[in-house]
Protein backbone atom coordinates (compact mmCIF):
# COMPACT_ATOMS: atom_id res chain seq x y z
CA MET A 1 -31.64 -19.03 -17.95
CA GLU A 2 -30.53 -20.83 -14.80
CA TYR A 3 -28.49 -19.21 -12.03
CA LYS A 4 -26.76 -20.62 -8.97
CA ILE A 5 -26.50 -18.42 -5.88
CA PHE A 6 -23.95 -19.27 -3.17
CA CYS A 7 -24.63 -17.76 0.26
CA ASP A 8 -22.71 -17.31 3.47
CA GLU A 9 -23.03 -15.31 6.68
CA SER A 10 -20.94 -13.88 9.50
CA ASN A 11 -21.82 -13.03 13.12
CA HIS A 12 -25.45 -14.01 12.66
CA LEU A 13 -26.11 -15.16 16.23
CA LEU A 14 -27.30 -12.84 18.99
CA SER A 15 -24.67 -14.40 21.25
CA ASP A 16 -21.81 -13.34 18.95
CA LYS A 17 -19.39 -10.81 20.43
CA SER A 18 -20.01 -8.46 17.52
CA ASP A 19 -23.22 -6.42 17.19
CA LEU A 20 -22.73 -6.44 13.43
CA MET A 21 -24.02 -9.10 11.06
CA VAL A 22 -23.20 -9.66 7.39
CA ASN A 23 -24.68 -12.10 4.96
CA GLY A 24 -23.81 -12.29 1.31
CA ALA A 25 -24.35 -14.16 -1.92
CA ILE A 26 -22.56 -14.65 -5.22
CA CYS A 27 -24.77 -15.22 -8.25
CA VAL A 28 -23.35 -17.10 -11.23
CA PRO A 29 -24.91 -18.31 -14.49
CA ALA A 30 -25.28 -22.05 -13.92
CA ASN A 31 -23.39 -22.91 -17.10
CA LYS A 32 -20.33 -21.03 -15.79
CA VAL A 33 -20.07 -22.61 -12.33
CA GLU A 34 -17.98 -25.62 -13.35
CA SER A 35 -15.41 -23.57 -15.28
CA TYR A 36 -15.19 -20.99 -12.48
CA ASN A 37 -14.61 -23.71 -9.90
CA ARG A 38 -11.90 -25.22 -12.11
CA PHE A 39 -10.14 -21.88 -12.45
CA ILE A 40 -10.14 -21.26 -8.70
CA LYS A 41 -8.72 -24.76 -8.21
CA TYR A 42 -6.05 -23.87 -10.77
CA LEU A 43 -5.17 -20.78 -8.71
CA ARG A 44 -4.99 -22.94 -5.60
CA HIS A 45 -2.53 -25.23 -7.34
CA LYS A 46 -0.56 -22.27 -8.71
CA TYR A 47 -0.08 -20.81 -5.23
CA ASP A 48 0.09 -24.15 -3.38
CA TYR A 49 -2.97 -23.21 -1.32
CA HIS A 50 -4.51 -26.28 0.34
CA TYR A 51 -6.83 -24.75 2.93
CA GLU A 52 -10.48 -23.82 2.96
CA LEU A 53 -10.66 -20.14 2.04
CA LYS A 54 -11.93 -18.29 5.11
CA TRP A 55 -11.60 -14.70 6.30
CA THR A 56 -10.77 -15.97 9.77
CA LYS A 57 -7.85 -18.00 8.45
CA LEU A 58 -5.69 -15.87 6.15
CA PHE A 59 -1.96 -16.15 5.49
CA SER A 60 0.29 -13.18 4.76
CA HIS A 61 2.47 -15.13 2.31
CA ASN A 62 -0.63 -15.87 0.18
CA LEU A 63 -1.53 -12.25 -0.60
CA ALA A 64 -0.84 -12.78 -4.32
CA PHE A 65 -3.38 -15.64 -4.33
CA TYR A 66 -6.06 -13.50 -2.69
CA LYS A 67 -5.39 -10.66 -5.12
CA GLU A 68 -5.70 -12.93 -8.14
CA LEU A 69 -8.98 -14.31 -6.78
CA ILE A 70 -10.30 -10.74 -6.51
CA ASP A 71 -9.10 -10.00 -10.04
CA PHE A 72 -10.89 -13.10 -11.29
CA PHE A 73 -14.15 -12.01 -9.66
CA VAL A 74 -13.88 -8.50 -11.11
CA GLU A 75 -13.23 -9.80 -14.63
CA SER A 76 -15.94 -12.50 -14.53
CA ASP A 77 -19.71 -12.11 -14.78
CA MET A 78 -20.19 -13.15 -11.14
CA GLN A 79 -22.26 -10.72 -9.06
CA PHE A 80 -22.05 -10.24 -5.31
CA LYS A 81 -24.60 -8.78 -2.92
CA ALA A 82 -24.43 -8.39 0.84
CA THR A 83 -26.64 -7.16 3.65
CA LEU A 84 -24.71 -5.38 6.39
CA VAL A 85 -26.75 -5.20 9.61
CA LEU A 86 -25.51 -2.72 12.22
CA HIS A 87 -26.64 -2.89 15.87
CA LYS A 88 -28.41 -6.22 15.29
CA SER A 89 -29.30 -6.56 18.99
CA ARG A 90 -31.59 -3.52 18.76
CA HIS A 91 -34.09 -5.24 16.50
CA ARG A 92 -37.34 -5.76 18.39
CA HIS A 93 -38.05 -9.27 17.11
CA LEU A 94 -40.82 -10.21 19.53
CA GLN A 95 -42.67 -6.95 18.95
CA TYR A 96 -43.03 -7.96 15.31
CA GLY A 97 -44.03 -11.52 16.12
CA TYR A 98 -40.88 -13.46 15.30
CA ASP A 99 -37.56 -14.43 16.85
CA HIS A 100 -33.96 -13.69 15.91
CA GLU A 101 -33.79 -16.82 13.77
CA LYS A 102 -36.56 -15.43 11.55
CA PHE A 103 -34.86 -12.04 11.49
CA TYR A 104 -31.74 -13.75 10.12
CA TYR A 105 -33.75 -14.92 7.09
CA ILE A 106 -35.35 -11.52 6.64
CA ALA A 107 -31.83 -10.12 6.33
CA PHE A 108 -31.16 -12.79 3.68
CA TYR A 109 -34.24 -11.62 1.78
CA TYR A 110 -32.55 -8.25 1.25
CA THR A 111 -29.51 -10.04 -0.11
CA LEU A 112 -31.44 -12.24 -2.52
CA ARG A 113 -34.29 -10.00 -3.66
CA ASP A 114 -32.54 -8.30 -6.57
CA PHE A 115 -31.03 -11.52 -7.89
CA ILE A 116 -34.38 -13.30 -7.93
CA ASP A 117 -36.34 -10.26 -9.11
CA SER A 118 -34.07 -9.57 -12.03
CA ASN A 119 -35.63 -12.02 -14.53
CA ALA A 120 -39.02 -13.64 -14.03
CA PHE A 121 -38.23 -16.30 -16.63
CA SER A 122 -35.11 -17.60 -14.89
CA HIS A 123 -34.60 -20.51 -12.54
CA TYR A 124 -32.51 -20.19 -9.39
CA LYS A 125 -30.67 -22.69 -7.24
CA VAL A 126 -29.76 -21.15 -3.89
CA TYR A 127 -27.06 -22.80 -1.77
CA LEU A 128 -26.82 -22.10 1.97
CA ASP A 129 -23.81 -23.04 4.07
CA TYR A 130 -24.32 -26.03 6.35
CA LYS A 131 -24.25 -24.99 10.03
CA ASP A 132 -26.19 -27.67 11.91
CA THR A 133 -28.66 -30.51 11.43
CA LYS A 134 -31.72 -28.30 10.84
CA SER A 135 -31.28 -28.04 7.07
CA SER A 136 -34.89 -28.79 6.10
CA GLU A 137 -36.16 -26.19 8.58
CA LYS A 138 -33.77 -23.58 7.18
CA ILE A 139 -34.97 -24.18 3.64
CA LYS A 140 -38.62 -24.00 4.69
CA THR A 141 -38.13 -20.80 6.72
CA LEU A 142 -36.23 -19.00 3.96
CA LYS A 143 -38.90 -19.89 1.40
CA GLU A 144 -41.61 -18.63 3.77
CA VAL A 145 -39.80 -15.32 4.25
CA LEU A 146 -39.20 -14.83 0.53
CA GLU A 147 -42.86 -15.51 -0.23
CA HIS A 148 -44.05 -13.26 2.62
CA LYS A 149 -41.92 -10.46 1.18
CA GLY A 150 -43.54 -10.89 -2.23
CA LEU A 151 -41.03 -13.06 -4.08
CA SER A 152 -42.39 -16.08 -5.89
CA THR A 153 -40.37 -19.19 -5.06
CA ASN A 154 -41.85 -21.30 -7.86
CA SER A 155 -38.59 -20.90 -9.76
CA VAL A 156 -36.34 -21.16 -6.68
CA ASP A 157 -34.80 -24.34 -5.27
CA ILE A 158 -32.86 -24.09 -2.00
CA TYR A 159 -30.15 -26.48 -0.85
CA VAL A 160 -27.76 -26.73 2.09
CA ILE A 161 -24.16 -27.73 1.35
CA ASN A 162 -20.83 -27.69 3.17
CA SER A 163 -18.74 -24.66 2.17
CA LYS A 164 -15.77 -26.99 1.65
CA GLU A 165 -17.60 -28.30 -1.42
CA SER A 166 -17.86 -24.91 -3.14
CA GLN A 167 -15.02 -22.66 -4.25
CA ILE A 168 -17.50 -19.85 -4.94
CA MET A 169 -19.08 -20.04 -1.50
CA GLN A 170 -15.61 -19.72 0.00
CA LEU A 171 -15.01 -16.61 -2.10
CA CYS A 172 -18.26 -15.23 -0.67
CA ASP A 173 -16.83 -15.84 2.83
CA LEU A 174 -13.81 -13.72 1.93
CA PHE A 175 -16.00 -10.83 0.79
CA ILE A 176 -18.40 -10.79 3.75
CA GLY A 177 -15.43 -11.09 6.09
CA ALA A 178 -13.87 -8.01 4.53
CA ILE A 179 -17.13 -6.07 4.82
CA GLY A 180 -17.57 -7.03 8.47
CA TYR A 181 -13.96 -6.22 9.39
CA ARG A 182 -14.06 -2.88 7.58
CA ASN A 183 -17.23 -1.81 9.42
CA ARG A 184 -16.50 -3.05 12.95
CA THR A 185 -15.61 -0.39 15.48
CA ASP A 186 -15.26 -2.66 18.52
CA ILE A 187 -11.97 -4.36 17.64
CA LYS A 188 -8.36 -3.40 17.12
CA LYS A 189 -7.62 -3.74 13.40
CA ASP A 190 -4.01 -4.80 13.49
CA SER A 191 -4.00 -7.57 10.87
CA LYS A 192 -1.77 -6.57 7.97
CA ILE A 193 -3.05 -9.27 5.62
CA LYS A 194 -6.67 -8.22 6.20
CA LYS A 195 -5.76 -4.57 5.64
CA ASP A 196 -3.90 -5.48 2.45
CA ILE A 197 -6.88 -7.41 1.09
CA ILE A 198 -9.30 -4.59 1.94
CA ASP A 199 -7.00 -2.01 0.35
CA TYR A 200 -6.83 -4.11 -2.81
CA MET A 201 -10.62 -4.52 -2.94
CA LEU A 202 -11.03 -0.76 -2.63
CA GLU A 203 -8.41 -0.28 -5.34
CA LYS A 204 -10.62 -2.48 -7.54
CA ARG A 205 -13.61 -0.24 -6.72
CA LEU A 206 -15.36 -2.83 -4.55
CA GLN A 207 -17.07 -0.70 -1.91
CA LEU A 208 -17.31 -2.16 1.58
CA HIS A 209 -19.66 0.23 3.41
CA PHE A 210 -22.77 0.59 1.23
CA THR A 211 -23.69 1.08 -2.41
CA ALA A 212 -26.66 2.24 -4.42
CA ARG A 213 -29.28 -0.48 -4.91
CA ASP A 214 -28.70 -0.54 -8.67
CA GLU A 215 -25.00 -1.40 -8.26
CA GLU A 216 -24.86 -4.78 -9.98
CA LYS A 217 -21.30 -6.07 -9.60
CA PHE A 218 -20.60 -5.65 -5.88
CA ASN A 219 -23.62 -4.47 -3.94
CA VAL A 220 -23.80 -3.74 -0.19
CA PHE A 221 -27.14 -2.91 1.46
CA LYS A 222 -26.60 -1.31 4.89
CA TRP A 223 -29.35 -1.78 7.47
CA ASP A 224 -28.66 0.26 10.62
CA LEU A 225 -31.08 -0.73 13.39
CA ALA A 226 -29.99 2.18 15.58
CA ARG A 227 -31.78 4.60 13.26
């Protein structure tokens, strides 16, 4: 069985205003990716939605589109996992012999571990969102972290793509954005469209704080560095 895993992250830099970081991934059977992308494109056409789907760029008049996207995820066999890091600045990177960049990939290990562990006879293609020109270094570092943490990467291929190329990666952005917004305490939460989306996700039993590790559909691992 082959799976494709689409990853994204939010507030991952130490220089970000927020002391909260979220990364996430959506895992899809490889033979379903094309049909899922087609269906999301159909929804875009249905609602006349021509923008890249991003949590930071939502439109109140498109609430029905966002709700139908969430419905589609719930009814499909896609699985989502996220790592929610609280108080990221408190991690003592240098004490453990690595910098914040390495810590970022360690957080991604917690997002990917259950997907890759689930079936030793499967093959995985992991897609990271393009951020800068250091793509080959990113791939190498993530593989090193996964192997150091005990995951074999013999059956794992890692690629870097632009999120504009992937409907599923954009859906991942929506989910990690909702998790980050729900858990931030340093901002005024006065966006009605963001509140409406979060309320609808909760109505669909998609928990945004943390879940048990064995939650398979929508899993959130909370890592609080203040504890």
